[in-house]
Amino acid sequence: MAGHWLMKSEPAEASIDDLARAPAQTLGWTGVRNYQARNFMRDAMQPGDDVLFYHSSCAEPGIAGLARIAGRAAPDATQFDPASPYHDPRSPADKPRWLQIDVKLVRKTRLLSLREMRAAPALATMRVLQPGNRLSITPVSDAEWNAVLALLGPGA
């Protein structure tokens, strides 16, 4: 049984359109520098898991598309690149601290705005909507996944 995840990305960094234009419509989800989010990638995410691709830190945040986990967690090369904003000079090459995971586009959707999500009683428990939640990766329950698909409408 596939798991469900919400993955947040700033559109200026990696948008749903960037994912659609990427080779094989697949991007490495790099730059995660939070241990809990890293642990989700390492310990819980599996190939085939569903993803809500969420645009954050933008004029209108919300779910912009559906994706799928396309591989297993692997070392994030940006931690070793001194030119990267995600460089971590304390991460040893023989035991990398940070991971990335490949995400493949399923389809772009209409934007399901944060405002619309907050207004949906079926999403009241969704972690992305909880005060103080700053994680870039959060699990999504089956009920929340189905409620999002229902809100997105036919073709979602």
N, C-alpha and C. Protein backbone atom coordinates (compact mmCIF):
# COMPACT_ATOMS: atom_id res chain seq x y z
N MET A 1 0.85 -1.18 0.00
CA MET A 1 0.00 0.00 0.00
C MET A 1 0.89 1.25 0.00
N ALA A 2 0.63 2.13 -0.93
CA ALA A 2 1.45 3.34 -1.07
C ALA A 2 1.17 4.32 0.07
N GLY A 3 2.22 5.00 0.48
CA GLY A 3 2.06 6.09 1.43
C GLY A 3 1.77 7.38 0.68
N HIS A 4 1.43 8.40 1.43
CA HIS A 4 1.13 9.70 0.84
C HIS A 4 1.94 10.76 1.57
N TRP A 5 2.43 11.74 0.82
CA TRP A 5 3.28 12.79 1.37
C TRP A 5 2.91 14.14 0.78
N LEU A 6 3.16 15.18 1.53
CA LEU A 6 3.12 16.54 1.01
C LEU A 6 4.55 17.03 1.05
N MET A 7 5.03 17.53 -0.09
CA MET A 7 6.39 18.03 -0.20
C MET A 7 6.33 19.48 -0.65
N LYS A 8 6.93 20.36 0.17
CA LYS A 8 6.90 21.80 -0.10
C LYS A 8 8.17 22.24 -0.81
N SER A 9 7.95 23.08 -1.83
CA SER A 9 9.07 23.67 -2.55
C SER A 9 8.72 25.11 -2.90
N GLU A 10 9.69 25.97 -2.78
CA GLU A 10 9.50 27.34 -3.24
C GLU A 10 9.56 27.33 -4.76
N PRO A 11 8.56 27.89 -5.44
CA PRO A 11 8.55 27.83 -6.90
C PRO A 11 9.80 28.42 -7.54
N ALA A 12 10.43 29.41 -6.90
CA ALA A 12 11.66 29.98 -7.45
C ALA A 12 12.81 28.96 -7.40
N GLU A 13 12.70 27.99 -6.50
CA GLU A 13 13.73 26.94 -6.35
C GLU A 13 13.42 25.76 -7.26
N ALA A 14 12.21 25.22 -7.18
CA ALA A 14 11.76 24.10 -8.01
C ALA A 14 10.23 24.10 -8.01
N SER A 15 9.66 24.42 -9.15
CA SER A 15 8.20 24.50 -9.26
C SER A 15 7.66 23.25 -9.94
N ILE A 16 6.34 23.14 -9.95
CA ILE A 16 5.70 22.03 -10.66
C ILE A 16 6.03 22.12 -12.16
N ASP A 17 6.18 23.34 -12.68
CA ASP A 17 6.56 23.49 -14.10
C ASP A 17 8.00 23.03 -14.33
N ASP A 18 8.89 23.28 -13.36
CA ASP A 18 10.27 22.77 -13.47
C ASP A 18 10.26 21.24 -13.50
N LEU A 19 9.42 20.65 -12.66
CA LEU A 19 9.32 19.18 -12.65
C LEU A 19 8.81 18.68 -14.00
N ALA A 20 7.82 19.37 -14.57
CA ALA A 20 7.27 18.96 -15.87
C ALA A 20 8.31 19.06 -16.99
N ARG A 21 9.24 20.02 -16.89
CA ARG A 21 10.27 20.21 -17.92
C ARG A 21 11.52 19.37 -17.69
N ALA A 22 11.66 18.77 -16.52
CA ALA A 22 12.87 18.02 -16.18
C ALA A 22 12.97 16.75 -17.03
N PRO A 23 14.20 16.28 -17.27
CA PRO A 23 14.36 15.01 -17.99
C PRO A 23 13.55 13.91 -17.30
N ALA A 24 12.78 13.17 -18.08
CA ALA A 24 11.90 12.11 -17.58
C ALA A 24 10.90 12.64 -16.54
N GLN A 25 10.70 13.96 -16.52
CA GLN A 25 9.80 14.62 -15.57
C GLN A 25 10.09 14.16 -14.13
N THR A 26 11.40 14.10 -13.83
CA THR A 26 11.86 13.64 -12.52
C THR A 26 12.93 14.59 -12.01
N LEU A 27 12.81 14.97 -10.74
CA LEU A 27 13.79 15.82 -10.08
C LEU A 27 14.24 15.18 -8.78
N GLY A 28 15.51 15.39 -8.45
CA GLY A 28 15.99 15.03 -7.13
C GLY A 28 15.52 16.09 -6.14
N TRP A 29 14.92 15.68 -5.05
CA TRP A 29 14.44 16.60 -4.01
C TRP A 29 15.63 16.88 -3.10
N THR A 30 16.37 17.92 -3.42
CA THR A 30 17.60 18.24 -2.71
C THR A 30 17.40 19.41 -1.77
N GLY A 31 18.40 19.64 -0.94
CA GLY A 31 18.40 20.81 -0.08
C GLY A 31 17.64 20.66 1.22
N VAL A 32 17.15 19.47 1.54
CA VAL A 32 16.44 19.27 2.80
C VAL A 32 17.48 19.29 3.93
N ARG A 33 17.30 20.23 4.85
CA ARG A 33 18.25 20.37 5.96
C ARG A 33 17.52 20.37 7.30
N ASN A 34 16.60 19.45 7.42
CA ASN A 34 15.87 19.23 8.67
C ASN A 34 15.92 17.73 8.92
N TYR A 35 16.30 17.34 10.14
CA TYR A 35 16.48 15.92 10.43
C TYR A 35 15.19 15.12 10.32
N GLN A 36 14.07 15.67 10.77
CA GLN A 36 12.82 14.91 10.70
C GLN A 36 12.42 14.68 9.24
N ALA A 37 12.52 15.70 8.40
CA ALA A 37 12.20 15.54 6.98
C ALA A 37 13.18 14.55 6.33
N ARG A 38 14.45 14.65 6.68
CA ARG A 38 15.45 13.70 6.15
C ARG A 38 15.09 12.28 6.56
N ASN A 39 14.66 12.10 7.82
CA ASN A 39 14.31 10.77 8.30
C ASN A 39 13.07 10.22 7.58
N PHE A 40 12.13 11.08 7.23
CA PHE A 40 11.00 10.61 6.43
C PHE A 40 11.51 10.03 5.12
N MET A 41 12.44 10.73 4.45
CA MET A 41 12.99 10.23 3.19
C MET A 41 13.72 8.92 3.42
N ARG A 42 14.52 8.85 4.46
CA ARG A 42 15.37 7.69 4.72
C ARG A 42 14.56 6.48 5.18
N ASP A 43 13.59 6.70 6.08
CA ASP A 43 12.97 5.58 6.79
C ASP A 43 11.55 5.24 6.34
N ALA A 44 10.86 6.18 5.73
CA ALA A 44 9.44 5.94 5.47
C ALA A 44 9.03 6.02 4.01
N MET A 45 9.65 6.89 3.24
CA MET A 45 9.24 7.06 1.85
C MET A 45 9.71 5.87 1.02
N GLN A 46 8.80 5.42 0.15
CA GLN A 46 9.09 4.27 -0.70
C GLN A 46 8.78 4.62 -2.15
N PRO A 47 9.49 3.99 -3.09
CA PRO A 47 9.14 4.19 -4.49
C PRO A 47 7.66 3.85 -4.70
N GLY A 48 6.97 4.72 -5.44
CA GLY A 48 5.55 4.52 -5.69
C GLY A 48 4.65 5.29 -4.75
N ASP A 49 5.20 5.84 -3.65
CA ASP A 49 4.39 6.65 -2.75
C ASP A 49 3.90 7.89 -3.48
N ASP A 50 2.70 8.33 -3.12
CA ASP A 50 2.08 9.51 -3.72
C ASP A 50 2.59 10.79 -3.08
N VAL A 51 2.65 11.87 -3.87
CA VAL A 51 3.13 13.16 -3.39
C VAL A 51 2.18 14.27 -3.82
N LEU A 52 1.84 15.12 -2.86
CA LEU A 52 1.19 16.40 -3.15
C LEU A 52 2.33 17.41 -3.29
N PHE A 53 2.50 17.98 -4.46
CA PHE A 53 3.56 18.95 -4.72
C PHE A 53 3.03 20.32 -4.36
N TYR A 54 3.59 20.91 -3.30
CA TYR A 54 3.07 22.13 -2.69
C TYR A 54 4.03 23.29 -2.93
N HIS A 55 3.51 24.39 -3.47
CA HIS A 55 4.31 25.61 -3.63
C HIS A 55 4.22 26.41 -2.34
N SER A 56 5.36 26.77 -1.77
CA SER A 56 5.40 27.53 -0.52
C SER A 56 6.18 28.82 -0.72
N SER A 57 6.08 29.71 0.26
CA SER A 57 6.82 30.98 0.25
C SER A 57 6.65 31.71 -1.09
N CYS A 58 5.40 31.86 -1.50
CA CYS A 58 5.10 32.53 -2.76
C CYS A 58 3.79 33.31 -2.59
N ALA A 59 3.40 34.04 -3.62
CA ALA A 59 2.20 34.88 -3.54
C ALA A 59 0.96 34.09 -3.16
N GLU A 60 0.78 32.91 -3.75
CA GLU A 60 -0.37 32.08 -3.40
C GLU A 60 0.09 30.65 -3.18
N PRO A 61 0.39 30.29 -1.91
CA PRO A 61 0.83 28.93 -1.64
C PRO A 61 -0.32 27.93 -1.81
N GLY A 62 0.07 26.70 -2.14
CA GLY A 62 -0.93 25.64 -2.24
C GLY A 62 -0.40 24.46 -3.04
N ILE A 63 -1.26 23.47 -3.19
CA ILE A 63 -0.92 22.26 -3.94
C ILE A 63 -1.03 22.56 -5.43
N ALA A 64 0.06 22.32 -6.15
CA ALA A 64 0.13 22.66 -7.57
C ALA A 64 0.15 21.43 -8.47
N GLY A 65 0.28 20.24 -7.87
CA GLY A 65 0.32 19.05 -8.70
C GLY A 65 0.48 17.79 -7.89
N LEU A 66 0.45 16.68 -8.61
CA LEU A 66 0.62 15.36 -8.03
C LEU A 66 1.89 14.74 -8.59
N ALA A 67 2.59 14.02 -7.74
CA ALA A 67 3.84 13.38 -8.14
C ALA A 67 3.93 12.03 -7.44
N ARG A 68 5.03 11.35 -7.68
CA ARG A 68 5.24 10.04 -7.09
C ARG A 68 6.72 9.90 -6.74
N ILE A 69 7.00 9.22 -5.65
CA ILE A 69 8.39 8.93 -5.29
C ILE A 69 8.93 7.93 -6.31
N ALA A 70 10.09 8.26 -6.90
CA ALA A 70 10.62 7.47 -8.02
C ALA A 70 11.91 6.74 -7.69
N GLY A 71 12.28 6.69 -6.44
CA GLY A 71 13.49 5.97 -6.09
C GLY A 71 13.66 5.96 -4.58
N ARG A 72 14.75 5.45 -4.13
CA ARG A 72 15.06 5.41 -2.70
C ARG A 72 15.95 6.61 -2.35
N ALA A 73 15.97 6.95 -1.09
CA ALA A 73 16.81 8.05 -0.62
C ALA A 73 18.28 7.74 -0.92
N ALA A 74 19.00 8.79 -1.30
CA ALA A 74 20.42 8.69 -1.62
C ALA A 74 21.11 9.95 -1.11
N PRO A 75 22.43 9.94 -0.99
CA PRO A 75 23.11 11.16 -0.53
C PRO A 75 22.80 12.36 -1.43
N ASP A 76 22.57 13.50 -0.80
CA ASP A 76 22.31 14.76 -1.50
C ASP A 76 23.67 15.40 -1.83
N ALA A 77 23.99 15.46 -3.12
CA ALA A 77 25.29 15.97 -3.55
C ALA A 77 25.48 17.45 -3.21
N THR A 78 24.39 18.20 -3.01
CA THR A 78 24.54 19.63 -2.72
C THR A 78 25.27 19.87 -1.40
N GLN A 79 25.25 18.91 -0.49
CA GLN A 79 25.94 19.09 0.79
C GLN A 79 27.46 19.16 0.63
N PHE A 80 27.97 18.61 -0.47
CA PHE A 80 29.42 18.58 -0.70
C PHE A 80 29.90 19.67 -1.65
N ASP A 81 28.97 20.46 -2.20
CA ASP A 81 29.30 21.47 -3.19
C ASP A 81 29.46 22.84 -2.53
N PRO A 82 30.69 23.35 -2.41
CA PRO A 82 30.90 24.65 -1.76
C PRO A 82 30.14 25.80 -2.43
N ALA A 83 29.77 25.66 -3.70
CA ALA A 83 29.04 26.71 -4.40
C ALA A 83 27.53 26.64 -4.14
N SER A 84 27.08 25.57 -3.51
CA SER A 84 25.64 25.40 -3.27
C SER A 84 25.21 26.11 -1.98
N PRO A 85 24.02 26.70 -1.99
CA PRO A 85 23.51 27.27 -0.74
C PRO A 85 23.21 26.20 0.30
N TYR A 86 23.21 24.93 -0.12
CA TYR A 86 22.93 23.82 0.79
C TYR A 86 24.21 23.09 1.22
N HIS A 87 25.37 23.68 0.91
CA HIS A 87 26.65 23.09 1.30
C HIS A 87 26.70 22.92 2.81
N ASP A 88 27.18 21.76 3.24
CA ASP A 88 27.38 21.49 4.67
C ASP A 88 28.79 20.97 4.86
N PRO A 89 29.73 21.85 5.21
CA PRO A 89 31.12 21.42 5.32
C PRO A 89 31.35 20.40 6.44
N ARG A 90 30.38 20.25 7.34
CA ARG A 90 30.54 19.28 8.43
C ARG A 90 29.99 17.90 8.09
N SER A 91 29.44 17.74 6.89
CA SER A 91 28.91 16.43 6.48
C SER A 91 30.03 15.61 5.85
N PRO A 92 30.40 14.50 6.49
CA PRO A 92 31.51 13.69 5.95
C PRO A 92 31.09 12.91 4.70
N ALA A 93 31.97 12.87 3.72
CA ALA A 93 31.68 12.18 2.46
C ALA A 93 31.43 10.69 2.68
N ASP A 94 32.10 10.10 3.68
CA ASP A 94 31.94 8.66 3.91
C ASP A 94 30.69 8.33 4.74
N LYS A 95 30.06 9.33 5.32
CA LYS A 95 28.82 9.13 6.07
C LYS A 95 27.97 10.40 5.93
N PRO A 96 27.39 10.60 4.73
CA PRO A 96 26.65 11.83 4.45
C PRO A 96 25.51 12.06 5.44
N ARG A 97 25.36 13.30 5.84
CA ARG A 97 24.32 13.69 6.79
C ARG A 97 22.98 13.87 6.10
N TRP A 98 22.99 14.35 4.84
CA TRP A 98 21.76 14.77 4.16
C TRP A 98 21.45 13.89 2.96
N LEU A 99 20.16 13.68 2.74
CA LEU A 99 19.69 12.80 1.67
C LEU A 99 18.79 13.56 0.70
N GLN A 100 18.60 12.97 -0.45
CA GLN A 100 17.64 13.46 -1.44
C GLN A 100 16.87 12.25 -1.94
N ILE A 101 15.72 12.53 -2.56
CA ILE A 101 14.91 11.45 -3.12
C ILE A 101 14.34 11.95 -4.44
N ASP A 102 14.20 11.05 -5.41
CA ASP A 102 13.68 11.44 -6.72
C ASP A 102 12.16 11.48 -6.69
N VAL A 103 11.62 12.53 -7.32
CA VAL A 103 10.18 12.75 -7.42
C VAL A 103 9.83 12.86 -8.90
N LYS A 104 8.80 12.11 -9.33
CA LYS A 104 8.37 12.09 -10.73
C LYS A 104 6.96 12.68 -10.84
N LEU A 105 6.77 13.52 -11.83
CA LEU A 105 5.48 14.14 -12.07
C LEU A 105 4.42 13.10 -12.42
N VAL A 106 3.26 13.22 -11.81
CA VAL A 106 2.08 12.49 -12.24
C VAL A 106 1.26 13.43 -13.11
N ARG A 107 0.91 14.61 -12.56
CA ARG A 107 0.25 15.65 -13.36
C ARG A 107 0.18 16.95 -12.59
N LYS A 108 0.21 18.01 -13.35
CA LYS A 108 -0.04 19.34 -12.80
C LYS A 108 -1.54 19.44 -12.56
N THR A 109 -1.95 20.12 -11.50
CA THR A 109 -3.36 20.31 -11.20
C THR A 109 -3.66 21.80 -11.12
N ARG A 110 -4.91 22.12 -10.96
CA ARG A 110 -5.23 23.50 -10.62
C ARG A 110 -4.61 23.76 -9.25
N LEU A 111 -4.36 24.99 -8.91
CA LEU A 111 -3.80 25.31 -7.60
C LEU A 111 -4.90 25.15 -6.54
N LEU A 112 -4.65 24.27 -5.60
CA LEU A 112 -5.53 24.15 -4.42
C LEU A 112 -4.88 25.02 -3.36
N SER A 113 -5.42 26.22 -3.20
CA SER A 113 -4.77 27.22 -2.36
C SER A 113 -4.79 26.86 -0.88
N LEU A 114 -3.85 27.42 -0.17
CA LEU A 114 -3.80 27.25 1.28
C LEU A 114 -5.12 27.72 1.89
N ARG A 115 -5.65 28.80 1.39
CA ARG A 115 -6.93 29.33 1.90
C ARG A 115 -8.05 28.29 1.71
N GLU A 116 -8.10 27.68 0.54
CA GLU A 116 -9.12 26.66 0.27
C GLU A 116 -8.90 25.42 1.13
N MET A 117 -7.66 25.06 1.35
CA MET A 117 -7.35 23.91 2.20
C MET A 117 -7.81 24.17 3.64
N ARG A 118 -7.52 25.37 4.14
CA ARG A 118 -7.92 25.72 5.52
C ARG A 118 -9.44 25.71 5.69
N ALA A 119 -10.18 25.97 4.62
CA ALA A 119 -11.65 26.03 4.69
C ALA A 119 -12.29 24.64 4.62
N ALA A 120 -11.51 23.61 4.32
CA ALA A 120 -12.05 22.26 4.16
C ALA A 120 -11.98 21.49 5.48
N PRO A 121 -13.11 21.20 6.10
CA PRO A 121 -13.11 20.46 7.38
C PRO A 121 -12.37 19.12 7.30
N ALA A 122 -12.43 18.46 6.16
CA ALA A 122 -11.77 17.15 6.01
C ALA A 122 -10.24 17.26 6.10
N LEU A 123 -9.71 18.48 5.97
CA LEU A 123 -8.25 18.66 6.03
C LEU A 123 -7.79 19.28 7.36
N ALA A 124 -8.69 19.40 8.31
CA ALA A 124 -8.36 20.08 9.57
C ALA A 124 -7.16 19.48 10.30
N THR A 125 -6.91 18.20 10.12
CA THR A 125 -5.80 17.55 10.82
C THR A 125 -4.51 17.51 10.00
N MET A 126 -4.56 18.00 8.78
CA MET A 126 -3.39 17.94 7.91
C MET A 126 -2.23 18.72 8.53
N ARG A 127 -1.06 18.09 8.57
CA ARG A 127 0.08 18.70 9.27
C ARG A 127 0.51 20.03 8.70
N VAL A 128 0.42 20.19 7.38
CA VAL A 128 0.84 21.45 6.77
C VAL A 128 -0.02 22.62 7.26
N LEU A 129 -1.22 22.32 7.75
CA LEU A 129 -2.13 23.37 8.20
C LEU A 129 -2.02 23.66 9.70
N GLN A 130 -1.18 22.92 10.40
CA GLN A 130 -1.06 23.11 11.85
C GLN A 130 -0.16 24.30 12.15
N PRO A 131 -0.53 25.09 13.17
CA PRO A 131 0.31 26.24 13.54
C PRO A 131 1.74 25.80 13.86
N GLY A 132 2.68 26.56 13.35
CA GLY A 132 4.09 26.30 13.65
C GLY A 132 4.73 25.23 12.79
N ASN A 133 3.97 24.54 11.94
CA ASN A 133 4.57 23.51 11.11
C ASN A 133 5.45 24.16 10.05
N ARG A 134 6.71 23.80 10.02
CA ARG A 134 7.65 24.35 9.05
C ARG A 134 8.31 23.25 8.22
N LEU A 135 7.94 22.00 8.46
CA LEU A 135 8.58 20.89 7.75
C LEU A 135 8.27 20.95 6.25
N SER A 136 9.28 20.63 5.46
CA SER A 136 9.12 20.63 4.01
C SER A 136 8.52 19.31 3.51
N ILE A 137 8.55 18.29 4.34
CA ILE A 137 7.97 16.99 3.99
C ILE A 137 7.10 16.55 5.17
N THR A 138 5.84 16.24 4.89
CA THR A 138 4.95 15.74 5.95
C THR A 138 4.12 14.59 5.41
N PRO A 139 3.82 13.62 6.29
CA PRO A 139 2.94 12.54 5.87
C PRO A 139 1.51 13.05 5.70
N VAL A 140 0.77 12.39 4.83
CA VAL A 140 -0.63 12.70 4.55
C VAL A 140 -1.41 11.41 4.74
N SER A 141 -2.49 11.45 5.50
CA SER A 141 -3.30 10.25 5.73
C SER A 141 -4.10 9.90 4.48
N ASP A 142 -4.60 8.68 4.43
CA ASP A 142 -5.45 8.26 3.32
C ASP A 142 -6.66 9.19 3.21
N ALA A 143 -7.28 9.52 4.35
CA ALA A 143 -8.47 10.38 4.34
C ALA A 143 -8.13 11.77 3.81
N GLU A 144 -6.97 12.32 4.22
CA GLU A 144 -6.55 13.64 3.73
C GLU A 144 -6.25 13.58 2.24
N TRP A 145 -5.56 12.53 1.79
CA TRP A 145 -5.25 12.37 0.37
C TRP A 145 -6.54 12.37 -0.45
N ASN A 146 -7.51 11.55 -0.02
CA ASN A 146 -8.78 11.46 -0.75
C ASN A 146 -9.54 12.76 -0.73
N ALA A 147 -9.47 13.49 0.39
CA ALA A 147 -10.16 14.80 0.48
C ALA A 147 -9.51 15.80 -0.48
N VAL A 148 -8.19 15.80 -0.58
CA VAL A 148 -7.50 16.70 -1.52
C VAL A 148 -7.91 16.35 -2.94
N LEU A 149 -7.92 15.07 -3.30
CA LEU A 149 -8.32 14.69 -4.65
C LEU A 149 -9.75 15.13 -4.94
N ALA A 150 -10.64 14.99 -3.97
CA ALA A 150 -12.02 15.43 -4.14
C ALA A 150 -12.09 16.94 -4.36
N LEU A 151 -11.30 17.70 -3.59
CA LEU A 151 -11.29 19.17 -3.74
C LEU A 151 -10.72 19.58 -5.11
N LEU A 152 -9.74 18.84 -5.59
CA LEU A 152 -9.15 19.16 -6.89
C LEU A 152 -10.13 18.90 -8.02
N GLY A 153 -11.05 17.96 -7.82
CA GLY A 153 -12.09 17.68 -8.80
C GLY A 153 -11.71 16.63 -9.80
N PRO A 154 -12.57 16.42 -10.79
CA PRO A 154 -12.35 15.38 -11.80
C PRO A 154 -11.00 15.54 -12.48
N GLY A 155 -10.39 14.40 -12.72
CA GLY A 155 -9.09 14.41 -13.38
C GLY A 155 -7.93 14.50 -12.42
N ALA A 156 -8.20 14.71 -11.14
CA ALA A 156 -7.12 14.79 -10.15
C ALA A 156 -6.67 13.40 -9.88
